[in-house]
Protein backbone atom coordinates (compact mmCIF):
# COMPACT_ATOMS: atom_id res chain seq x y z
CA MET A 1 -5.78 20.30 -28.59
CA GLY A 2 -6.86 21.50 -24.70
CA LEU A 3 -3.89 19.32 -22.83
CA LEU A 4 -1.55 20.61 -25.34
CA ARG A 5 -1.56 23.91 -25.19
CA TYR A 6 -2.24 23.09 -21.26
CA THR A 7 1.22 21.39 -21.13
CA ILE A 8 2.57 24.02 -23.35
CA GLY A 9 1.59 26.27 -20.56
CA ARG A 10 3.04 24.88 -17.75
CA LEU A 11 6.64 24.90 -19.64
CA ILE A 12 6.76 28.15 -20.42
CA GLN A 13 5.46 28.86 -16.83
CA ALA A 14 8.03 26.73 -15.57
CA ILE A 15 10.95 28.40 -17.30
CA PRO A 16 10.98 32.06 -14.35
CA VAL A 17 10.66 29.45 -11.54
CA LEU A 18 14.38 27.72 -12.86
CA ILE A 19 15.95 30.93 -13.14
CA GLY A 20 14.98 32.12 -9.91
CA ILE A 21 16.13 28.93 -8.89
CA THR A 22 19.33 29.34 -10.27
CA VAL A 23 19.55 33.29 -9.04
CA ILE A 24 18.91 31.70 -5.26
CA THR A 25 21.46 29.03 -5.57
CA PHE A 26 24.71 31.10 -7.47
CA ILE A 27 23.96 34.14 -4.49
CA LEU A 28 23.82 31.27 -1.83
CA ALA A 29 26.95 29.49 -3.11
CA ASN A 30 28.99 32.51 -3.55
CA LEU A 31 28.22 34.18 -0.35
CA ALA A 32 29.02 30.78 1.99
CA PRO A 33 31.98 31.29 3.89
CA GLY A 34 35.15 30.31 2.95
CA ASP A 35 37.71 30.27 -0.46
CA PRO A 36 37.42 27.48 -2.77
CA VAL A 37 40.90 27.96 -4.60
CA ARG A 38 42.58 27.77 -1.33
CA LEU A 39 40.41 24.56 -0.07
CA MET A 40 40.98 23.07 -3.86
CA LEU A 41 45.30 23.99 -3.02
CA GLN A 42 45.05 22.57 0.22
CA GLY A 43 48.36 20.41 1.50
CA GLN A 44 50.27 22.63 -0.98
CA GLU A 45 52.59 25.23 -0.95
CA VAL A 46 50.52 28.21 -2.08
CA ASP A 47 51.53 31.96 -2.83
CA GLN A 48 49.22 34.58 -4.33
CA GLU A 49 50.84 34.64 -7.78
CA LEU A 50 49.29 31.01 -7.77
CA ILE A 51 45.62 31.24 -6.06
CA GLU A 52 45.39 34.55 -8.53
CA ARG A 53 45.98 32.12 -11.51
CA VAL A 54 43.35 29.56 -10.48
CA GLU A 55 41.09 32.27 -9.96
CA GLN A 56 41.64 33.61 -13.11
CA GLN A 57 41.19 30.18 -14.75
CA TYR A 58 38.08 29.39 -13.39
CA GLY A 59 36.87 32.86 -13.34
CA LEU A 60 36.26 33.86 -9.96
CA ASP A 61 38.02 36.99 -10.37
CA ARG A 62 35.46 38.62 -11.66
CA PRO A 63 32.15 40.06 -10.33
CA ILE A 64 29.15 37.75 -9.33
CA HIS A 65 26.99 39.63 -12.02
CA GLU A 66 29.23 39.03 -14.27
CA ARG A 67 29.89 35.06 -13.91
CA TYR A 68 26.15 34.37 -13.59
CA ALA A 69 25.69 35.96 -16.63
CA THR A 70 28.20 33.74 -18.25
CA TYR A 71 27.20 31.01 -16.65
CA MET A 72 23.33 31.39 -17.79
CA ILE A 73 24.71 31.86 -21.53
CA ASN A 74 26.36 28.38 -21.07
CA LEU A 75 23.71 26.75 -19.67
CA LEU A 76 21.00 27.51 -22.65
CA GLN A 77 24.02 25.68 -24.61
CA GLY A 78 24.18 22.92 -22.22
CA ASP A 79 26.96 23.69 -20.50
CA LEU A 80 26.66 23.13 -16.87
CA GLY A 81 30.42 24.11 -15.89
CA TYR A 82 33.82 22.73 -14.60
CA SER A 83 34.14 21.00 -11.37
CA ILE A 84 36.91 22.95 -9.65
CA HIS A 85 38.03 19.66 -7.64
CA ARG A 86 37.45 17.22 -9.49
CA ASP A 87 38.76 18.29 -12.91
CA ARG A 88 36.27 16.95 -14.76
CA PRO A 89 32.77 18.63 -16.77
CA VAL A 90 29.81 19.13 -14.57
CA THR A 91 27.36 17.16 -16.79
CA ASP A 92 29.75 13.96 -16.97
CA LEU A 93 29.32 13.83 -13.17
CA VAL A 94 25.11 14.37 -12.92
CA ILE A 95 25.52 11.66 -15.55
CA GLN A 96 27.55 9.24 -13.90
CA ARG A 97 25.59 9.93 -10.59
CA SER A 98 21.73 10.48 -11.93
CA GLY A 99 21.26 6.45 -12.44
CA PRO A 100 21.52 5.64 -8.55
CA THR A 101 19.70 8.60 -7.04
CA LEU A 102 16.81 8.13 -9.99
CA MET A 103 17.00 3.96 -8.83
CA LEU A 104 16.63 4.79 -5.13
CA VAL A 105 13.65 7.68 -5.54
CA LEU A 106 11.25 5.29 -8.05
CA SER A 107 11.78 2.63 -5.81
CA ALA A 108 11.41 4.61 -2.60
CA TYR A 109 7.99 5.94 -4.55
CA ALA A 110 7.45 2.07 -5.96
CA PHE A 111 7.34 1.06 -2.10
CA ALA A 112 5.33 3.85 -0.02
CA LEU A 113 2.79 3.25 -3.26
CA ALA A 114 2.47 -0.16 -3.19
CA THR A 115 1.94 -0.53 0.93
CA ALA A 116 0.26 2.56 1.64
CA ILE A 117 -2.52 2.31 -1.15
CA PRO A 118 -3.63 -1.21 0.13
CA LEU A 119 -3.28 -0.11 4.17
CA GLY A 120 -5.40 3.13 3.28
CA ILE A 121 -8.43 1.22 2.12
CA LEU A 122 -7.47 -1.11 4.87
CA ALA A 123 -8.27 1.03 7.21
CA ALA A 124 -10.68 3.14 5.89
CA THR A 125 -13.12 -0.02 5.03
CA ARG A 126 -12.23 -0.98 8.96
CA ARG A 127 -12.82 2.32 10.26
CA ASN A 128 -12.36 2.97 14.13
CA GLU A 129 -11.45 -1.14 14.14
CA PRO A 130 -8.30 -2.33 15.71
CA THR A 131 -6.67 -2.12 12.15
CA ASP A 132 -7.43 1.48 11.75
CA HIS A 133 -5.99 2.53 14.65
CA ILE A 134 -2.52 0.14 14.03
CA SER A 135 -2.35 2.09 10.75
CA ARG A 136 -3.05 5.74 12.02
CA ILE A 137 -0.37 4.65 14.53
CA VAL A 138 2.42 3.77 12.03
CA ALA A 139 1.49 6.57 9.70
CA LEU A 140 2.17 8.82 12.73
CA ILE A 141 5.53 7.13 13.36
CA GLY A 142 6.17 7.29 9.79
CA VAL A 143 5.82 11.20 9.41
CA SER A 144 7.36 11.91 12.50
CA THR A 145 10.90 9.95 11.82
CA PRO A 146 13.33 11.35 10.27
CA SER A 147 14.77 9.22 7.42
CA PHE A 148 18.43 9.05 8.31
CA TRP A 149 17.69 7.58 11.70
CA ILE A 150 15.09 4.93 9.92
CA GLY A 151 18.43 3.89 7.78
CA ILE A 152 20.68 3.80 11.19
CA MET A 153 18.35 1.73 12.91
CA LEU A 154 17.45 -0.87 9.65
CA ILE A 155 21.54 -1.22 9.36
CA LEU A 156 22.30 -2.05 13.47
CA VAL A 157 19.11 -4.30 13.22
CA PHE A 158 19.30 -6.13 9.58
CA ALA A 159 22.75 -5.76 8.55
CA ILE A 160 24.70 -5.72 11.81
CA GLN A 161 22.39 -7.39 14.30
CA LEU A 162 20.93 -9.86 11.77
CA GLY A 163 23.18 -9.99 9.10
CA VAL A 164 20.54 -10.41 6.32
CA LEU A 165 20.65 -7.44 4.48
CA PRO A 166 24.06 -5.52 3.09
CA SER A 167 24.19 -1.81 4.65
CA SER A 168 26.01 -0.50 1.32
CA GLY A 169 28.02 -1.10 -2.01
CA LEU A 170 24.78 -0.69 -3.94
CA VAL A 171 24.67 -2.99 -7.45
CA TYR A 172 23.46 -1.07 -10.42
CA PRO A 173 22.29 -3.53 -13.11
CA TRP A 174 23.26 -1.02 -15.93
CA TRP A 175 26.81 -2.13 -15.50
CA GLY A 176 26.12 -5.90 -16.17
CA PRO A 177 27.21 -9.13 -14.33
CA ASP A 178 30.21 -9.82 -15.85
CA HIS A 179 31.51 -6.70 -13.62
CA TYR A 180 30.59 -8.04 -10.42
CA GLY A 181 31.15 -11.67 -11.44
CA TYR A 182 27.42 -12.67 -11.14
CA SER A 183 26.91 -15.78 -13.21
CA GLY A 184 24.20 -14.03 -14.68
CA TYR A 185 21.15 -10.92 -14.79
CA PRO A 186 18.94 -13.35 -12.57
CA GLU A 187 21.95 -13.22 -9.65
CA LEU A 188 22.51 -9.61 -10.65
CA ILE A 189 18.57 -8.39 -10.46
CA TYR A 190 18.57 -10.48 -7.13
CA GLN A 191 21.61 -8.86 -5.55
CA THR A 192 20.40 -5.49 -6.66
CA ILE A 193 17.11 -5.60 -4.96
CA ARG A 194 19.11 -7.04 -1.65
CA HIS A 195 21.48 -4.03 -1.76
CA LEU A 196 18.10 -1.30 -2.17
CA LEU A 197 16.23 -2.50 0.30
CA LEU A 198 17.40 -0.68 3.28
CA PRO A 199 17.76 2.33 1.47
CA MET A 200 14.42 1.91 0.01
CA ILE A 201 12.52 1.48 3.04
CA ALA A 202 14.38 4.44 4.89
CA LEU A 203 13.80 6.63 2.03
CA GLY A 204 10.15 5.36 1.35
CA THR A 205 9.07 4.97 4.86
CA LEU A 206 7.70 9.17 4.95
CA GLN A 207 6.23 8.92 1.52
CA MET A 208 4.40 5.54 3.11
CA ALA A 209 3.17 7.36 5.96
CA THR A 210 1.85 10.28 4.31
CA LEU A 211 0.33 8.55 1.29
CA MET A 212 -1.75 5.71 3.40
CA ARG A 213 -3.38 9.09 5.55
CA VAL A 214 -4.52 10.39 2.64
CA GLU A 215 -5.59 7.17 0.95
CA ARG A 216 -7.22 6.59 4.01
CA THR A 217 -9.12 9.99 4.32
CA GLN A 218 -10.21 10.13 0.99
CA MET A 219 -11.49 6.53 0.63
CA ILE A 220 -14.00 7.28 4.00
CA GLU A 221 -15.15 10.72 2.18
CA SER A 222 -15.73 8.00 -1.26
CA LEU A 223 -17.21 5.55 0.64
CA GLN A 224 -19.57 8.08 1.87
CA GLY A 225 -21.06 9.56 -1.19
CA GLU A 226 -24.27 9.93 -2.65
CA TYR A 227 -23.23 7.64 -5.29
CA VAL A 228 -22.08 4.99 -3.09
CA LYS A 229 -25.20 4.95 -1.39
CA LEU A 230 -27.24 4.88 -4.73
CA ALA A 231 -24.72 2.15 -5.86
CA ARG A 232 -25.64 0.09 -2.50
CA ALA A 233 -29.16 0.78 -2.67
CA TYR A 234 -29.16 -1.16 -6.10
CA GLY A 235 -28.07 -4.09 -4.88
CA VAL A 236 -24.29 -3.69 -6.52
CA PRO A 237 -21.58 -5.34 -4.59
CA GLU A 238 -19.58 -3.93 -1.97
CA ARG A 239 -16.04 -4.90 -3.83
CA THR A 240 -17.24 -3.35 -7.12
CA ILE A 241 -18.34 -0.21 -5.33
CA LEU A 242 -15.07 -0.24 -3.56
CA ARG A 243 -13.30 -0.63 -6.66
CA LYS A 244 -15.30 1.51 -9.43
CA HIS A 245 -16.79 3.95 -7.61
CA ALA A 246 -14.84 4.63 -4.70
CA PHE A 247 -11.56 3.84 -5.37
CA GLN A 248 -10.78 5.82 -8.44
CA VAL A 249 -11.80 9.13 -7.07
CA ALA A 250 -9.98 9.06 -3.91
CA GLN A 251 -6.74 8.65 -6.25
CA LEU A 252 -6.57 12.25 -7.31
CA PRO A 253 -5.03 13.71 -4.09
CA ILE A 254 -2.75 10.62 -4.04
CA ILE A 255 -1.44 12.00 -7.71
CA THR A 256 -0.70 15.37 -5.91
CA ILE A 257 0.89 14.51 -2.78
CA VAL A 258 3.11 12.08 -5.08
CA GLY A 259 4.07 15.40 -7.39
CA LEU A 260 4.60 17.85 -4.46
CA ASN A 261 6.71 15.12 -2.22
CA LEU A 262 9.03 14.80 -4.84
CA SER A 263 10.77 17.42 -3.66
CA THR A 264 11.01 15.90 -0.20
CA ALA A 265 12.10 12.04 -1.85
CA LEU A 266 15.34 14.25 -3.79
CA GLY A 267 16.06 15.96 -0.80
CA GLY A 268 15.36 13.05 1.89
CA ALA A 269 17.92 10.86 -0.69
CA VAL A 270 20.85 13.63 -0.09
CA LEU A 271 21.25 11.76 3.64
CA ILE A 272 19.57 8.39 2.42
CA GLU A 273 22.81 7.95 0.03
CA TYR A 274 25.33 9.35 2.38
CA VAL A 275 24.14 7.09 5.34
CA PHE A 276 24.08 3.86 2.92
CA ASN A 277 27.11 4.77 0.89
CA ILE A 278 25.59 5.41 -2.34
CA ASN A 279 27.38 7.46 -4.77
CA GLY A 280 24.34 9.44 -5.98
CA LEU A 281 23.24 13.07 -6.74
CA GLY A 282 22.96 13.86 -3.47
CA ARG A 283 26.16 12.50 -1.75
CA LEU A 284 27.63 14.31 -4.77
CA LEU A 285 25.67 17.83 -3.95
CA LEU A 286 27.17 17.60 0.05
CA GLU A 287 30.61 17.08 -1.04
CA ALA A 288 30.61 20.42 -3.96
CA ILE A 289 28.61 22.03 -0.76
CA ILE A 290 32.09 21.04 1.83
CA GLY A 291 34.75 22.06 -1.02
CA LEU A 292 32.42 24.87 -2.44
CA ASP A 293 32.69 23.72 -5.58
CA TYR A 294 30.27 26.60 -6.87
CA GLN A 295 29.81 24.67 -10.40
CA LEU A 296 29.33 21.51 -9.24
CA ILE A 297 26.62 22.81 -6.95
CA MET A 298 24.72 25.04 -9.43
CA GLY A 299 24.72 21.81 -11.99
CA ILE A 300 23.38 19.68 -9.36
CA THR A 301 20.56 22.03 -7.75
CA VAL A 302 19.79 23.00 -11.90
CA VAL A 303 18.98 19.00 -12.31
CA ILE A 304 16.97 18.46 -9.43
CA GLY A 305 15.09 21.51 -9.79
CA THR A 306 14.31 20.60 -13.28
CA MET A 307 13.99 17.35 -12.04
CA PHE A 308 10.94 18.57 -9.56
CA VAL A 309 9.39 20.73 -12.04
CA VAL A 310 9.02 18.30 -14.78
CA GLY A 311 7.56 16.11 -11.52
CA VAL A 312 4.32 18.39 -10.80
CA ILE A 313 3.88 18.72 -14.85
CA ILE A 314 3.57 15.11 -15.10
CA THR A 315 1.56 15.26 -12.15
CA ASP A 316 -1.19 18.13 -13.52
CA ILE A 317 -1.52 16.10 -16.29
CA SER A 318 -1.95 13.06 -14.67
CA TYR A 319 -5.34 14.14 -13.72
CA ALA A 320 -6.60 14.20 -17.24
CA TYR A 321 -6.14 10.29 -16.83
CA VAL A 322 -7.56 9.76 -13.79
CA ASP A 323 -10.46 11.78 -13.61
CA PRO A 324 -12.62 12.22 -16.77
CA ARG A 325 -14.16 15.46 -15.53
CA VAL A 326 -10.67 17.14 -15.94
CA THR A 327 -10.71 18.73 -19.63
CA TYR A 328 -7.78 21.46 -19.71
CA GLY A 329 -10.12 23.59 -21.70
CA ASP A 330 -11.56 20.97 -23.87
CA ARG A 331 -14.99 21.79 -23.24
CA ASP A 332 -16.95 24.44 -21.80
């Protein structure tokens, strides 16, 4: 019951955060220089009457506070609005583009965790040895290098110079092998991995470097704890100490970093999708900003903000499963 109450409380706290996101985004989008109607009608012969008619059709002739109130009323009913430039409901566009973005972000996190945790443990157990020095150099380079630059370098090396991996045309497994003309699902999965490998590494390198530094630091502290010294005094094997006593305690900060870095990963996906020509939410957001498509900007921002808030809540709840000392009010 304590965990349930905590979860409900965190969900309630998320409501003003999401409202704040909509307010700030709505104001900034509407204060941006340019006229969305003229951009939409670009290349056509227009007069003032046509412009006023289009503005009235999309409600752009009303004051900003009235438009925001209307937007929030529709949002509470599950309506994200209508895209001016694409002439489609924003909900349909978001659903269509969410799959590639989620696949990219989740695969980047899988790459980061699969590499950062073993390397962090290895660096901690071999502190101040060559392995530790190399891992720290790799982590420093990873946190200092922009994701889009890493993506460009990967394309130049593996796609252009070596020609072993594709740089665009991401394969989506949910479309099925018949859509691409593949022989079956094994080939479809293989091609998906090949096309996903470069953007996954480009986006996941920053996460990997951050997690590796935290893992190393926490493992060093855990291995110097009194309970570890006591276990060694009783003759417990070092591998058992590492697995049962030091590792689990060191993972709490990792969970925190994973949850908080979700915003960084989603933000990085915007540029990575553009570099690798992936039709995801990030690329759609860039196109919406360039075209001043207010409804589309708002819809994508609300969805991404909701993803981040939900990710933070899941992170907090995960503490109870990793560390039994976290009770969320179940007992004093």
